[in-house]
Amino acid sequence: MDKLLVIREIPLFSFQIIAADVTGDKQLDIVAIDTSAHVTCYSATSGEMIWESEISGSSTAGARLADMNTDGIPDLIIAADDG
């Protein structure tokens, strides 16, 4: 049976959750964006918080991943309603 990972810190009202390797360690990470403009990245293997940040405005358009600087690691792109 596969191991179930429970991350208790993900905000209750997360607007969007993305699973991808955003740290370049070949392991999935979880990025959660909540309705208060908080963005938090967790390790999907350990459940530990890797980093957190806040965006200005709100992100009704959501987030996308793309390798913008061609380093082989997906970059997180978040569109905010305030420009």
PDB file of N, CA and C in Angstrom:
ATOM      1  N   MET A   1       0.845  -1.182   0.000  1.00  0.00           N
ATOM      2  CA  MET A   1       0.000   0.000   0.000  1.00  0.00           C
ATOM      3  C   MET A   1       0.890   1.245   0.000  1.00  0.00           C
ATOM      4  N   ASP A   2       0.529   2.240  -0.787  1.00  0.00           N
ATOM      5  CA  ASP A   2       1.276   3.492  -0.833  1.00  0.00           C
ATOM      6  C   ASP A   2       1.094   4.269   0.464  1.00  0.00           C
ATOM      7  N   LYS A   3       2.122   5.042   0.798  1.00  0.00           N
ATOM      8  CA  LYS A   3       2.097   5.867   1.998  1.00  0.00           C
ATOM      9  C   LYS A   3       1.241   7.105   1.751  1.00  0.00           C
ATOM     10  N   LEU A   4       0.398   7.466   2.701  1.00  0.00           N
ATOM     11  CA  LEU A   4      -0.440   8.659   2.621  1.00  0.00           C
ATOM     12  C   LEU A   4       0.225   9.775   3.409  1.00  0.00           C
ATOM     13  N   LEU A   5       0.446  10.908   2.768  1.00  0.00           N
ATOM     14  CA  LEU A   5       1.072  12.059   3.413  1.00  0.00           C
ATOM     15  C   LEU A   5      -0.008  13.082   3.736  1.00  0.00           C
ATOM     16  N   VAL A   6      -0.069  13.493   4.978  1.00  0.00           N
ATOM     17  CA  VAL A   6      -1.048  14.493   5.401  1.00  0.00           C
ATOM     18  C   VAL A   6      -0.287  15.762   5.752  1.00  0.00           C
ATOM     19  N   ILE A   7      -0.614  16.848   5.065  1.00  0.00           N
ATOM     20  CA  ILE A   7       0.001  18.146   5.350  1.00  0.00           C
ATOM     21  C   ILE A   7      -1.067  18.995   6.024  1.00  0.00           C
ATOM     22  N   ARG A   8      -0.918  19.199   7.299  1.00  0.00           N
ATOM     23  CA  ARG A   8      -1.953  19.886   8.074  1.00  0.00           C
ATOM     24  C   ARG A   8      -1.922  21.402   7.916  1.00  0.00           C
ATOM     25  N   GLU A   9      -0.808  21.947   7.428  1.00  0.00           N
ATOM     26  CA  GLU A   9      -0.687  23.404   7.355  1.00  0.00           C
ATOM     27  C   GLU A   9      -1.318  24.023   6.120  1.00  0.00           C
ATOM     28  N   ILE A  10      -1.724  23.224   5.139  1.00  0.00           N
ATOM     29  CA  ILE A  10      -2.333  23.821   3.944  1.00  0.00           C
ATOM     30  C   ILE A  10      -3.593  24.558   4.369  1.00  0.00           C
ATOM     31  N   PRO A  11      -3.719  25.824   3.983  1.00  0.00           N
ATOM     32  CA  PRO A  11      -4.870  26.626   4.409  1.00  0.00           C
ATOM     33  C   PRO A  11      -6.195  25.965   4.044  1.00  0.00           C
ATOM     34  N   LEU A  12      -7.153  26.097   4.941  1.00  0.00           N
ATOM     35  CA  LEU A  12      -8.465  25.493   4.748  1.00  0.00           C
ATOM     36  C   LEU A  12      -9.140  26.010   3.480  1.00  0.00           C
ATOM     37  N   PHE A  13      -8.950  27.277   3.167  1.00  0.00           N
ATOM     38  CA  PHE A  13      -9.599  27.866   2.008  1.00  0.00           C
ATOM     39  C   PHE A  13      -8.608  28.076   0.866  1.00  0.00           C
ATOM     40  N   SER A  14      -7.857  27.057   0.523  1.00  0.00           N
ATOM     41  CA  SER A  14      -6.916  27.164  -0.588  1.00  0.00           C
ATOM     42  C   SER A  14      -7.677  27.355  -1.887  1.00  0.00           C
ATOM     43  N   PHE A  15      -7.257  28.326  -2.655  1.00  0.00           N
ATOM     44  CA  PHE A  15      -7.877  28.622  -3.935  1.00  0.00           C
ATOM     45  C   PHE A  15      -7.366  27.683  -5.014  1.00  0.00           C
ATOM     46  N   GLN A  16      -6.085  27.368  -4.939  1.00  0.00           N
ATOM     47  CA  GLN A  16      -5.490  26.503  -5.943  1.00  0.00           C
ATOM     48  C   GLN A  16      -4.349  25.722  -5.318  1.00  0.00           C
ATOM     49  N   ILE A  17      -4.238  24.454  -5.695  1.00  0.00           N
ATOM     50  CA  ILE A  17      -3.141  23.607  -5.255  1.00  0.00           C
ATOM     51  C   ILE A  17      -2.491  23.010  -6.490  1.00  0.00           C
ATOM     52  N   ILE A  18      -1.165  23.117  -6.564  1.00  0.00           N
ATOM     53  CA  ILE A  18      -0.401  22.617  -7.705  1.00  0.00           C
ATOM     54  C   ILE A  18       0.634  21.620  -7.181  1.00  0.00           C
ATOM     55  N   ALA A  19       0.755  20.486  -7.833  1.00  0.00           N
ATOM     56  CA  ALA A  19       1.799  19.511  -7.478  1.00  0.00           C
ATOM     57  C   ALA A  19       2.793  19.442  -8.623  1.00  0.00           C
ATOM     58  N   ALA A  20       4.051  19.749  -8.343  1.00  0.00           N
ATOM     59  CA  ALA A  20       5.115  19.718  -9.346  1.00  0.00           C
ATOM     60  C   ALA A  20       6.451  19.820  -8.627  1.00  0.00           C
ATOM     61  N   ASP A  21       7.525  19.466  -9.301  1.00  0.00           N
ATOM     62  CA  ASP A  21       8.865  19.619  -8.741  1.00  0.00           C
ATOM     63  C   ASP A  21       9.326  21.051  -9.003  1.00  0.00           C
ATOM     64  N   VAL A  22       9.092  21.950  -8.048  1.00  0.00           N
ATOM     65  CA  VAL A  22       9.496  23.354  -8.214  1.00  0.00           C
ATOM     66  C   VAL A  22      10.830  23.658  -7.542  1.00  0.00           C
ATOM     67  N   THR A  23      11.433  22.664  -6.879  1.00  0.00           N
ATOM     68  CA  THR A  23      12.715  22.876  -6.218  1.00  0.00           C
ATOM     69  C   THR A  23      13.873  22.220  -6.966  1.00  0.00           C
ATOM     70  N   GLY A  24      13.574  21.400  -7.965  1.00  0.00           N
ATOM     71  CA  GLY A  24      14.621  20.777  -8.767  1.00  0.00           C
ATOM     72  C   GLY A  24      15.257  19.557  -8.138  1.00  0.00           C
ATOM     73  N   ASP A  25      14.609  18.983  -7.104  1.00  0.00           N
ATOM     74  CA  ASP A  25      15.191  17.816  -6.440  1.00  0.00           C
ATOM     75  C   ASP A  25      14.600  16.490  -6.925  1.00  0.00           C
ATOM     76  N   LYS A  26      13.836  16.542  -7.996  1.00  0.00           N
ATOM     77  CA  LYS A  26      13.208  15.359  -8.604  1.00  0.00           C
ATOM     78  C   LYS A  26      12.122  14.738  -7.715  1.00  0.00           C
ATOM     79  N   GLN A  27      11.616  15.509  -6.748  1.00  0.00           N
ATOM     80  CA  GLN A  27      10.534  15.085  -5.871  1.00  0.00           C
ATOM     81  C   GLN A  27       9.379  16.082  -6.006  1.00  0.00           C
ATOM     82  N   LEU A  28       8.155  15.593  -5.940  1.00  0.00           N
ATOM     83  CA  LEU A  28       7.013  16.493  -6.039  1.00  0.00           C
ATOM     84  C   LEU A  28       6.959  17.448  -4.860  1.00  0.00           C
ATOM     85  N   ASP A  29       6.556  18.670  -5.146  1.00  0.00           N
ATOM     86  CA  ASP A  29       6.277  19.678  -4.138  1.00  0.00           C
ATOM     87  C   ASP A  29       4.817  20.079  -4.312  1.00  0.00           C
ATOM     88  N   ILE A  30       4.238  20.656  -3.279  1.00  0.00           N
ATOM     89  CA  ILE A  30       2.856  21.122  -3.341  1.00  0.00           C
ATOM     90  C   ILE A  30       2.854  22.621  -3.092  1.00  0.00           C
ATOM     91  N   VAL A  31       2.299  23.384  -4.037  1.00  0.00           N
ATOM     92  CA  VAL A  31       2.166  24.831  -3.889  1.00  0.00           C
ATOM     93  C   VAL A  31       0.696  25.131  -3.669  1.00  0.00           C
ATOM     94  N   ALA A  32       0.388  25.813  -2.564  1.00  0.00           N
ATOM     95  CA  ALA A  32      -0.993  26.170  -2.237  1.00  0.00           C
ATOM     96  C   ALA A  32      -1.126  27.685  -2.236  1.00  0.00           C
ATOM     97  N   ILE A  33      -2.138  28.176  -2.927  1.00  0.00           N
ATOM     98  CA  ILE A  33      -2.459  29.605  -2.953  1.00  0.00           C
ATOM     99  C   ILE A  33      -3.822  29.747  -2.300  1.00  0.00           C
ATOM    100  N   ASP A  34      -3.897  30.534  -1.222  1.00  0.00           N
ATOM    101  CA  ASP A  34      -5.186  30.660  -0.544  1.00  0.00           C
ATOM    102  C   ASP A  34      -5.900  31.943  -0.948  1.00  0.00           C
ATOM    103  N   THR A  35      -7.085  32.133  -0.426  1.00  0.00           N
ATOM    104  CA  THR A  35      -7.910  33.280  -0.803  1.00  0.00           C
ATOM    105  C   THR A  35      -7.430  34.596  -0.193  1.00  0.00           C
ATOM    106  N   SER A  36      -6.415  34.548   0.687  1.00  0.00           N
ATOM    107  CA  SER A  36      -5.853  35.758   1.284  1.00  0.00           C
ATOM    108  C   SER A  36      -4.519  36.139   0.660  1.00  0.00           C
ATOM    109  N   ALA A  37      -4.200  35.593  -0.516  1.00  0.00           N
ATOM    110  CA  ALA A  37      -3.001  35.904  -1.289  1.00  0.00           C
ATOM    111  C   ALA A  37      -1.721  35.320  -0.692  1.00  0.00           C
ATOM    112  N   HIS A  38      -1.839  34.306   0.148  1.00  0.00           N
ATOM    113  CA  HIS A  38      -0.668  33.605   0.672  1.00  0.00           C
ATOM    114  C   HIS A  38      -0.311  32.467  -0.274  1.00  0.00           C
ATOM    115  N   VAL A  39       0.969  32.321  -0.547  1.00  0.00           N
ATOM    116  CA  VAL A  39       1.471  31.234  -1.385  1.00  0.00           C
ATOM    117  C   VAL A  39       2.465  30.448  -0.543  1.00  0.00           C
ATOM    118  N   THR A  40       2.255  29.147  -0.428  1.00  0.00           N
ATOM    119  CA  THR A  40       3.119  28.313   0.390  1.00  0.00           C
ATOM    120  C   THR A  40       3.510  27.067  -0.391  1.00  0.00           C
ATOM    121  N   CYS A  41       4.777  26.687  -0.290  1.00  0.00           N
ATOM    122  CA  CYS A  41       5.287  25.499  -0.962  1.00  0.00           C
ATOM    123  C   CYS A  41       5.682  24.476   0.098  1.00  0.00           C
ATOM    124  N   TYR A  42       5.189  23.246  -0.070  1.00  0.00           N
ATOM    125  CA  TYR A  42       5.479  22.151   0.848  1.00  0.00           C
ATOM    126  C   TYR A  42       6.154  21.021   0.095  1.00  0.00           C
ATOM    127  N   SER A  43       6.998  20.277   0.794  1.00  0.00           N
ATOM    128  CA  SER A  43       7.559  19.054   0.238  1.00  0.00           C
ATOM    129  C   SER A  43       6.465  17.996   0.252  1.00  0.00           C
ATOM    130  N   ALA A  44       6.216  17.367  -0.884  1.00  0.00           N
ATOM    131  CA  ALA A  44       5.198  16.320  -0.933  1.00  0.00           C
ATOM    132  C   ALA A  44       5.713  15.017  -0.337  1.00  0.00           C
ATOM    133  N   THR A  45       7.003  14.916  -0.105  1.00  0.00           N
ATOM    134  CA  THR A  45       7.541  13.691   0.485  1.00  0.00           C
ATOM    135  C   THR A  45       7.616  13.766   2.004  1.00  0.00           C
ATOM    136  N   SER A  46       7.936  14.949   2.560  1.00  0.00           N
ATOM    137  CA  SER A  46       8.057  15.070   4.019  1.00  0.00           C
ATOM    138  C   SER A  46       6.928  15.872   4.654  1.00  0.00           C
ATOM    139  N   GLY A  47       6.244  16.700   3.862  1.00  0.00           N
ATOM    140  CA  GLY A  47       5.201  17.556   4.394  1.00  0.00           C
ATOM    141  C   GLY A  47       5.711  18.850   4.988  1.00  0.00           C
ATOM    142  N   GLU A  48       7.030  19.042   4.991  1.00  0.00           N
ATOM    143  CA  GLU A  48       7.610  20.258   5.565  1.00  0.00           C
ATOM    144  C   GLU A  48       7.431  21.448   4.635  1.00  0.00           C
ATOM    145  N   MET A  49       7.221  22.642   5.245  1.00  0.00           N
ATOM    146  CA  MET A  49       7.125  23.859   4.453  1.00  0.00           C
ATOM    147  C   MET A  49       8.508  24.196   3.904  1.00  0.00           C
ATOM    148  N   ILE A  50       8.585  24.491   2.595  1.00  0.00           N
ATOM    149  CA  ILE A  50       9.839  24.861   1.945  1.00  0.00           C
ATOM    150  C   ILE A  50       9.981  26.379   1.916  1.00  0.00           C
ATOM    151  N   TRP A  51       8.928  27.060   1.513  1.00  0.00           N
ATOM    152  CA  TRP A  51       8.931  28.517   1.496  1.00  0.00           C
ATOM    153  C   TRP A  51       7.502  29.026   1.496  1.00  0.00           C
ATOM    154  N   GLU A  52       7.354  30.311   1.823  1.00  0.00           N
ATOM    155  CA  GLU A  52       6.047  30.959   1.742  1.00  0.00           C
ATOM    156  C   GLU A  52       6.241  32.397   1.301  1.00  0.00           C
ATOM    157  N   SER A  53       5.195  32.951   0.715  1.00  0.00           N
ATOM    158  CA  SER A  53       5.246  34.312   0.206  1.00  0.00           C
ATOM    159  C   SER A  53       3.828  34.861   0.145  1.00  0.00           C
ATOM    160  N   GLU A  54       3.712  36.138  -0.125  1.00  0.00           N
ATOM    161  CA  GLU A  54       2.409  36.767  -0.341  1.00  0.00           C
ATOM    162  C   GLU A  54       2.442  37.497  -1.662  1.00  0.00           C
ATOM    163  N   ILE A  55       1.314  37.478  -2.357  1.00  0.00           N
ATOM    164  CA  ILE A  55       1.188  38.249  -3.585  1.00  0.00           C
ATOM    165  C   ILE A  55       0.300  39.448  -3.304  1.00  0.00           C
ATOM    166  N   SER A  56       0.453  40.482  -4.114  1.00  0.00           N
ATOM    167  CA  SER A  56      -0.431  41.632  -3.973  1.00  0.00           C
ATOM    168  C   SER A  56      -1.718  41.324  -4.742  1.00  0.00           C
ATOM    169  N   GLY A  57      -2.798  41.861  -4.302  1.00  0.00           N
ATOM    170  CA  GLY A  57      -4.063  41.612  -4.984  1.00  0.00           C
ATOM    171  C   GLY A  57      -4.530  40.186  -4.764  1.00  0.00           C
ATOM    172  N   SER A  58      -5.353  39.709  -5.679  1.00  0.00           N
ATOM    173  CA  SER A  58      -5.805  38.321  -5.608  1.00  0.00           C
ATOM    174  C   SER A  58      -5.520  37.649  -6.939  1.00  0.00           C
ATOM    175  N   SER A  59      -5.496  36.343  -6.915  1.00  0.00           N
ATOM    176  CA  SER A  59      -5.124  35.584  -8.105  1.00  0.00           C
ATOM    177  C   SER A  59      -6.306  34.784  -8.625  1.00  0.00           C
ATOM    178  N   THR A  60      -7.292  35.468  -9.173  1.00  0.00           N
ATOM    179  CA  THR A  60      -8.447  34.760  -9.707  1.00  0.00           C
ATOM    180  C   THR A  60      -8.097  33.983 -10.968  1.00  0.00           C
ATOM    181  N   ALA A  61      -7.045  34.387 -11.653  1.00  0.00           N
ATOM    182  CA  ALA A  61      -6.614  33.658 -12.851  1.00  0.00           C
ATOM    183  C   ALA A  61      -5.833  32.405 -12.488  1.00  0.00           C
ATOM    184  N   GLY A  62      -5.392  32.297 -11.237  1.00  0.00           N
ATOM    185  CA  GLY A  62      -4.651  31.123 -10.802  1.00  0.00           C
ATOM    186  C   GLY A  62      -3.185  31.201 -11.153  1.00  0.00           C
ATOM    187  N   ALA A  63      -2.519  30.064 -11.071  1.00  0.00           N
ATOM    188  CA  ALA A  63      -1.082  30.001 -11.293  1.00  0.00           C
ATOM    189  C   ALA A  63      -0.762  28.990 -12.390  1.00  0.00           C
ATOM    190  N   ARG A  64       0.394  29.161 -12.970  1.00  0.00           N
ATOM    191  CA  ARG A  64       0.882  28.240 -14.005  1.00  0.00           C
ATOM    192  C   ARG A  64       2.345  27.952 -13.725  1.00  0.00           C
ATOM    193  N   LEU A  65       2.815  26.844 -14.257  1.00  0.00           N
ATOM    194  CA  LEU A  65       4.227  26.481 -14.163  1.00  0.00           C
ATOM    195  C   LEU A  65       4.831  26.480 -15.548  1.00  0.00           C
ATOM    196  N   ALA A  66       6.009  27.074 -15.669  1.00  0.00           N
ATOM    197  CA  ALA A  66       6.754  27.078 -16.927  1.00  0.00           C
ATOM    198  C   ALA A  66       8.215  27.323 -16.599  1.00  0.00           C
ATOM    199  N   ASP A  67       9.103  26.759 -17.372  1.00  0.00           N
ATOM    200  CA  ASP A  67      10.539  26.977 -17.172  1.00  0.00           C
ATOM    201  C   ASP A  67      10.931  28.269 -17.882  1.00  0.00           C
ATOM    202  N   MET A  68      10.747  29.382 -17.211  1.00  0.00           N
ATOM    203  CA  MET A  68      10.954  30.694 -17.816  1.00  0.00           C
ATOM    204  C   MET A  68      12.424  31.026 -18.054  1.00  0.00           C
ATOM    205  N   ASN A  69      13.329  30.506 -17.234  1.00  0.00           N
ATOM    206  CA  ASN A  69      14.744  30.856 -17.377  1.00  0.00           C
ATOM    207  C   ASN A  69      15.587  29.690 -17.893  1.00  0.00           C
ATOM    208  N   THR A  70      14.941  28.674 -18.417  1.00  0.00           N
ATOM    209  CA  THR A  70      15.554  27.493 -19.049  1.00  0.00           C
ATOM    210  C   THR A  70      16.626  26.817 -18.183  1.00  0.00           C
ATOM    211  N   ASP A  71      16.358  26.732 -16.865  1.00  0.00           N
ATOM    212  CA  ASP A  71      17.290  26.021 -15.987  1.00  0.00           C
ATOM    213  C   ASP A  71      16.833  24.593 -15.694  1.00  0.00           C
ATOM    214  N   GLY A  72      15.742  24.182 -16.333  1.00  0.00           N
ATOM    215  CA  GLY A  72      15.244  22.831 -16.137  1.00  0.00           C
ATOM    216  C   GLY A  72      14.321  22.678 -14.943  1.00  0.00           C
ATOM    217  N   ILE A  73      14.063  23.751 -14.204  1.00  0.00           N
ATOM    218  CA  ILE A  73      13.177  23.727 -13.039  1.00  0.00           C
ATOM    219  C   ILE A  73      11.969  24.603 -13.344  1.00  0.00           C
ATOM    220  N   PRO A  74      10.745  24.070 -13.178  1.00  0.00           N
ATOM    221  CA  PRO A  74       9.567  24.898 -13.451  1.00  0.00           C
ATOM    222  C   PRO A  74       9.503  26.121 -12.529  1.00  0.00           C
ATOM    223  N   ASP A  75       9.170  27.261 -13.105  1.00  0.00           N
ATOM    224  CA  ASP A  75       8.988  28.491 -12.344  1.00  0.00           C
ATOM    225  C   ASP A  75       7.490  28.696 -12.137  1.00  0.00           C
ATOM    226  N   LEU A  76       7.133  29.225 -10.989  1.00  0.00           N
ATOM    227  CA  LEU A  76       5.724  29.472 -10.643  1.00  0.00           C
ATOM    228  C   LEU A  76       5.341  30.876 -11.108  1.00  0.00           C
ATOM    229  N   ILE A  77       4.300  30.942 -11.917  1.00  0.00           N
ATOM    230  CA  ILE A  77       3.814  32.223 -12.439  1.00  0.00           C
ATOM    231  C   ILE A  77       2.408  32.453 -11.889  1.00  0.00           C
ATOM    232  N   ILE A  78       2.224  33.565 -11.187  1.00  0.00           N
ATOM    233  CA  ILE A  78       0.936  33.873 -10.591  1.00  0.00           C
ATOM    234  C   ILE A  78       0.451  35.219 -11.117  1.00  0.00           C
ATOM    235  N   ALA A  79      -0.692  35.220 -11.755  1.00  0.00           N
ATOM    236  CA  ALA A  79      -1.285  36.463 -12.264  1.00  0.00           C
ATOM    237  C   ALA A  79      -2.168  37.054 -11.171  1.00  0.00           C
ATOM    238  N   ALA A  80      -1.946  38.324 -10.836  1.00  0.00           N
ATOM    239  CA  ALA A  80      -2.751  39.005  -9.821  1.00  0.00           C
ATOM    240  C   ALA A  80      -3.634  40.044 -10.492  1.00  0.00           C
ATOM    241  N   ASP A  81      -4.762  40.330  -9.868  1.00  0.00           N
ATOM    242  CA  ASP A  81      -5.725  41.259 -10.462  1.00  0.00           C
ATOM    243  C   ASP A  81      -5.329  42.716 -10.350  1.00  0.00           C
ATOM    244  N   ASP A  82      -4.240  43.017  -9.633  1.00  0.00           N
ATOM    245  CA  ASP A  82      -3.830  44.411  -9.507  1.00  0.00           C
ATOM    246  C   ASP A  82      -2.627  44.765 -10.378  1.00  0.00           C
ATOM    247  N   GLY A  83      -2.306  43.877 -11.320  1.00  0.00           N
ATOM    248  CA  GLY A  83      -1.238  44.155 -12.261  1.00  0.00           C
ATOM    249  C   GLY A  83       0.054  43.588 -11.812  1.00  0.00           C
TER     250      GLY A  83
END
